Amino acid sequence: MSERVFIAPGAYVQGPGSLDLVGEKAALYGGLAFVVCDEGVRALVGGRLSASVTAYGLEAEIHDFSGEVTLAAIDALASAAR
């Protein structure tokens, strides 16, 4: 198996109003927010996520994913994000 490296933002934000901070936090990393969630989550919070992201002048790409988290699925999502 080849080496895998996981790099994540240095912050985890949780609590009331956190969804409204997505745009602010994503803007620190570039001009595109690549969001992965399932259809149910998208139906519940997709509008708020999109509004938060666009408020900071970013584009949002929301990708539905409801499968198993496998290396192949991760590679496919990573390719889509590029």
N, C-alpha and C. Protein backbone atom coordinates (compact mmCIF):
# COMPACT_ATOMS: atom_id res chain seq x y z
N MET A 1 0.85 -1.18 0.00
CA MET A 1 0.00 0.00 0.00
C MET A 1 0.89 1.24 0.00
N SER A 2 0.51 2.21 -0.78
CA SER A 2 1.30 3.44 -0.84
C SER A 2 1.00 4.32 0.37
N GLU A 3 1.89 5.19 0.63
CA GLU A 3 1.73 6.11 1.77
C GLU A 3 0.58 7.06 1.52
N ARG A 4 -0.19 7.33 2.53
CA ARG A 4 -1.29 8.29 2.48
C ARG A 4 -1.05 9.37 3.53
N VAL A 5 -1.32 10.59 3.16
CA VAL A 5 -1.16 11.72 4.08
C VAL A 5 -2.51 12.42 4.19
N PHE A 6 -2.92 12.69 5.41
CA PHE A 6 -4.16 13.41 5.65
C PHE A 6 -3.81 14.80 6.16
N ILE A 7 -4.27 15.80 5.46
CA ILE A 7 -4.03 17.18 5.87
C ILE A 7 -5.40 17.84 6.05
N ALA A 8 -5.61 18.45 7.18
CA ALA A 8 -6.90 19.07 7.47
C ALA A 8 -6.68 20.48 8.01
N PRO A 9 -7.72 21.30 7.91
CA PRO A 9 -7.61 22.63 8.50
C PRO A 9 -7.31 22.54 9.99
N GLY A 10 -6.70 23.54 10.51
CA GLY A 10 -6.32 23.56 11.92
C GLY A 10 -7.44 23.93 12.85
N ALA A 11 -8.68 23.86 12.39
CA ALA A 11 -9.79 24.24 13.25
C ALA A 11 -10.98 23.33 13.01
N TYR A 12 -11.71 23.08 14.05
CA TYR A 12 -12.98 22.35 13.98
C TYR A 12 -14.01 23.24 14.64
N VAL A 13 -15.01 23.64 13.88
CA VAL A 13 -16.00 24.58 14.39
C VAL A 13 -17.34 23.86 14.54
N GLN A 14 -17.95 24.01 15.70
CA GLN A 14 -19.21 23.33 15.98
C GLN A 14 -20.05 24.20 16.88
N GLY A 15 -21.35 24.15 16.72
CA GLY A 15 -22.25 24.87 17.62
C GLY A 15 -23.24 25.72 16.85
N PRO A 16 -24.13 26.37 17.58
CA PRO A 16 -25.15 27.21 16.94
C PRO A 16 -24.52 28.27 16.03
N GLY A 17 -25.02 28.36 14.81
CA GLY A 17 -24.52 29.37 13.87
C GLY A 17 -23.29 28.95 13.10
N SER A 18 -22.76 27.76 13.35
CA SER A 18 -21.53 27.33 12.68
C SER A 18 -21.68 27.24 11.17
N LEU A 19 -22.84 26.82 10.70
CA LEU A 19 -23.04 26.73 9.25
C LEU A 19 -22.87 28.08 8.57
N ASP A 20 -23.21 29.13 9.27
CA ASP A 20 -23.10 30.46 8.71
C ASP A 20 -21.65 30.94 8.64
N LEU A 21 -20.73 30.20 9.24
CA LEU A 21 -19.31 30.56 9.21
C LEU A 21 -18.53 29.83 8.13
N VAL A 22 -19.18 28.93 7.40
CA VAL A 22 -18.48 28.12 6.40
C VAL A 22 -17.78 29.01 5.37
N GLY A 23 -18.44 30.02 4.87
CA GLY A 23 -17.83 30.91 3.88
C GLY A 23 -16.61 31.61 4.41
N GLU A 24 -16.71 32.13 5.62
CA GLU A 24 -15.57 32.82 6.25
C GLU A 24 -14.38 31.89 6.39
N LYS A 25 -14.62 30.69 6.86
CA LYS A 25 -13.53 29.73 7.08
C LYS A 25 -12.97 29.22 5.75
N ALA A 26 -13.84 28.94 4.78
CA ALA A 26 -13.40 28.43 3.48
C ALA A 26 -12.58 29.47 2.72
N ALA A 27 -12.89 30.75 2.91
CA ALA A 27 -12.18 31.82 2.20
C ALA A 27 -10.69 31.84 2.56
N LEU A 28 -10.33 31.28 3.69
CA LEU A 28 -8.92 31.22 4.09
C LEU A 28 -8.12 30.27 3.20
N TYR A 29 -8.82 29.37 2.49
CA TYR A 29 -8.14 28.32 1.73
C TYR A 29 -8.27 28.47 0.22
N GLY A 30 -8.98 29.47 -0.26
CA GLY A 30 -9.10 29.65 -1.70
C GLY A 30 -10.47 30.16 -2.10
N GLY A 31 -10.74 30.10 -3.41
CA GLY A 31 -11.95 30.68 -3.95
C GLY A 31 -13.07 29.70 -4.23
N LEU A 32 -12.86 28.42 -3.88
CA LEU A 32 -13.87 27.41 -4.15
C LEU A 32 -14.08 26.55 -2.91
N ALA A 33 -15.32 26.41 -2.50
CA ALA A 33 -15.66 25.51 -1.40
C ALA A 33 -16.20 24.22 -2.01
N PHE A 34 -15.51 23.13 -1.79
CA PHE A 34 -15.93 21.82 -2.28
C PHE A 34 -16.54 21.08 -1.11
N VAL A 35 -17.87 20.95 -1.13
CA VAL A 35 -18.60 20.39 0.00
C VAL A 35 -19.10 18.99 -0.37
N VAL A 36 -18.85 18.04 0.52
CA VAL A 36 -19.31 16.67 0.31
C VAL A 36 -20.32 16.34 1.40
N CYS A 37 -21.52 15.93 1.00
CA CYS A 37 -22.54 15.56 1.96
C CYS A 37 -23.54 14.63 1.28
N ASP A 38 -24.41 14.03 2.07
CA ASP A 38 -25.43 13.18 1.46
C ASP A 38 -26.65 14.03 1.11
N GLU A 39 -27.57 13.44 0.37
CA GLU A 39 -28.75 14.18 -0.10
C GLU A 39 -29.58 14.75 1.04
N GLY A 40 -29.70 13.99 2.13
CA GLY A 40 -30.48 14.46 3.26
C GLY A 40 -29.90 15.71 3.90
N VAL A 41 -28.59 15.70 4.10
CA VAL A 41 -27.91 16.88 4.66
C VAL A 41 -28.02 18.06 3.71
N ARG A 42 -27.84 17.77 2.43
CA ARG A 42 -27.95 18.85 1.44
C ARG A 42 -29.34 19.48 1.48
N ALA A 43 -30.37 18.65 1.60
CA ALA A 43 -31.73 19.17 1.66
C ALA A 43 -31.94 20.04 2.90
N LEU A 44 -31.30 19.67 4.01
CA LEU A 44 -31.47 20.40 5.26
C LEU A 44 -30.67 21.70 5.32
N VAL A 45 -29.42 21.67 4.85
CA VAL A 45 -28.54 22.81 5.09
C VAL A 45 -27.88 23.37 3.83
N GLY A 46 -28.18 22.80 2.68
CA GLY A 46 -27.53 23.24 1.44
C GLY A 46 -27.71 24.72 1.16
N GLY A 47 -28.91 25.23 1.40
CA GLY A 47 -29.17 26.65 1.18
C GLY A 47 -28.33 27.54 2.06
N ARG A 48 -28.23 27.18 3.33
CA ARG A 48 -27.41 27.98 4.27
C ARG A 48 -25.94 27.92 3.91
N LEU A 49 -25.47 26.73 3.53
CA LEU A 49 -24.07 26.60 3.13
C LEU A 49 -23.77 27.47 1.92
N SER A 50 -24.61 27.37 0.91
CA SER A 50 -24.41 28.16 -0.31
C SER A 50 -24.44 29.65 -0.01
N ALA A 51 -25.39 30.09 0.82
CA ALA A 51 -25.49 31.51 1.16
C ALA A 51 -24.24 31.99 1.89
N SER A 52 -23.73 31.18 2.81
CA SER A 52 -22.54 31.56 3.56
C SER A 52 -21.33 31.67 2.64
N VAL A 53 -21.21 30.73 1.73
CA VAL A 53 -20.07 30.72 0.81
C VAL A 53 -20.13 31.90 -0.15
N THR A 54 -21.29 32.13 -0.75
CA THR A 54 -21.39 33.23 -1.71
C THR A 54 -21.27 34.60 -1.04
N ALA A 55 -21.62 34.69 0.24
CA ALA A 55 -21.46 35.96 0.96
C ALA A 55 -20.00 36.38 1.04
N TYR A 56 -19.09 35.42 0.91
CA TYR A 56 -17.66 35.71 0.94
C TYR A 56 -17.03 35.67 -0.44
N GLY A 57 -17.88 35.73 -1.48
CA GLY A 57 -17.39 35.79 -2.85
C GLY A 57 -16.80 34.49 -3.37
N LEU A 58 -17.15 33.38 -2.76
CA LEU A 58 -16.63 32.09 -3.19
C LEU A 58 -17.65 31.35 -4.04
N GLU A 59 -17.15 30.39 -4.79
CA GLU A 59 -18.04 29.46 -5.48
C GLU A 59 -18.22 28.24 -4.58
N ALA A 60 -19.38 27.63 -4.68
CA ALA A 60 -19.64 26.42 -3.92
C ALA A 60 -19.96 25.29 -4.87
N GLU A 61 -19.29 24.18 -4.70
CA GLU A 61 -19.62 22.95 -5.41
C GLU A 61 -20.02 21.95 -4.34
N ILE A 62 -21.29 21.59 -4.36
CA ILE A 62 -21.79 20.63 -3.37
C ILE A 62 -21.99 19.30 -4.07
N HIS A 63 -21.29 18.29 -3.59
CA HIS A 63 -21.34 16.96 -4.18
C HIS A 63 -22.03 15.99 -3.23
N ASP A 64 -23.08 15.36 -3.75
CA ASP A 64 -23.79 14.36 -2.96
C ASP A 64 -22.96 13.07 -2.91
N PHE A 65 -22.87 12.49 -1.74
CA PHE A 65 -22.15 11.22 -1.57
C PHE A 65 -22.86 10.42 -0.50
N SER A 66 -23.28 9.21 -0.86
CA SER A 66 -23.95 8.38 0.13
C SER A 66 -23.40 6.96 0.13
N GLY A 67 -22.24 6.78 -0.46
CA GLY A 67 -21.66 5.44 -0.54
C GLY A 67 -20.73 5.15 0.61
N GLU A 68 -20.01 4.07 0.47
CA GLU A 68 -18.99 3.70 1.45
C GLU A 68 -17.75 4.57 1.24
N VAL A 69 -17.09 4.92 2.31
CA VAL A 69 -15.86 5.69 2.22
C VAL A 69 -14.73 4.70 1.95
N THR A 70 -14.34 4.64 0.69
CA THR A 70 -13.27 3.74 0.25
C THR A 70 -12.18 4.57 -0.41
N LEU A 71 -11.03 3.98 -0.63
CA LEU A 71 -9.97 4.70 -1.33
C LEU A 71 -10.42 5.13 -2.72
N ALA A 72 -11.16 4.27 -3.40
CA ALA A 72 -11.65 4.61 -4.73
C ALA A 72 -12.62 5.81 -4.68
N ALA A 73 -13.50 5.82 -3.68
CA ALA A 73 -14.45 6.93 -3.53
C ALA A 73 -13.72 8.23 -3.21
N ILE A 74 -12.71 8.14 -2.35
CA ILE A 74 -11.92 9.32 -2.01
C ILE A 74 -11.18 9.85 -3.23
N ASP A 75 -10.58 8.93 -4.01
CA ASP A 75 -9.87 9.33 -5.23
C ASP A 75 -10.82 10.00 -6.21
N ALA A 76 -12.04 9.47 -6.35
CA ALA A 76 -13.01 10.05 -7.27
C ALA A 76 -13.42 11.45 -6.83
N LEU A 77 -13.65 11.64 -5.53
CA LEU A 77 -14.01 12.98 -5.03
C LEU A 77 -12.83 13.94 -5.16
N ALA A 78 -11.63 13.45 -4.90
CA ALA A 78 -10.44 14.31 -5.06
C ALA A 78 -10.27 14.75 -6.51
N SER A 79 -10.52 13.84 -7.44
CA SER A 79 -10.45 14.19 -8.86
C SER A 79 -11.50 15.23 -9.22
N ALA A 80 -12.69 15.08 -8.68
CA ALA A 80 -13.76 16.04 -8.95
C ALA A 80 -13.41 17.42 -8.38
N ALA A 81 -12.71 17.44 -7.25
CA ALA A 81 -12.34 18.71 -6.61
C ALA A 81 -11.24 19.43 -7.37
N ARG A 82 -10.47 18.69 -8.12
CA ARG A 82 -9.38 19.32 -8.88
C ARG A 82 -9.97 20.01 -10.06
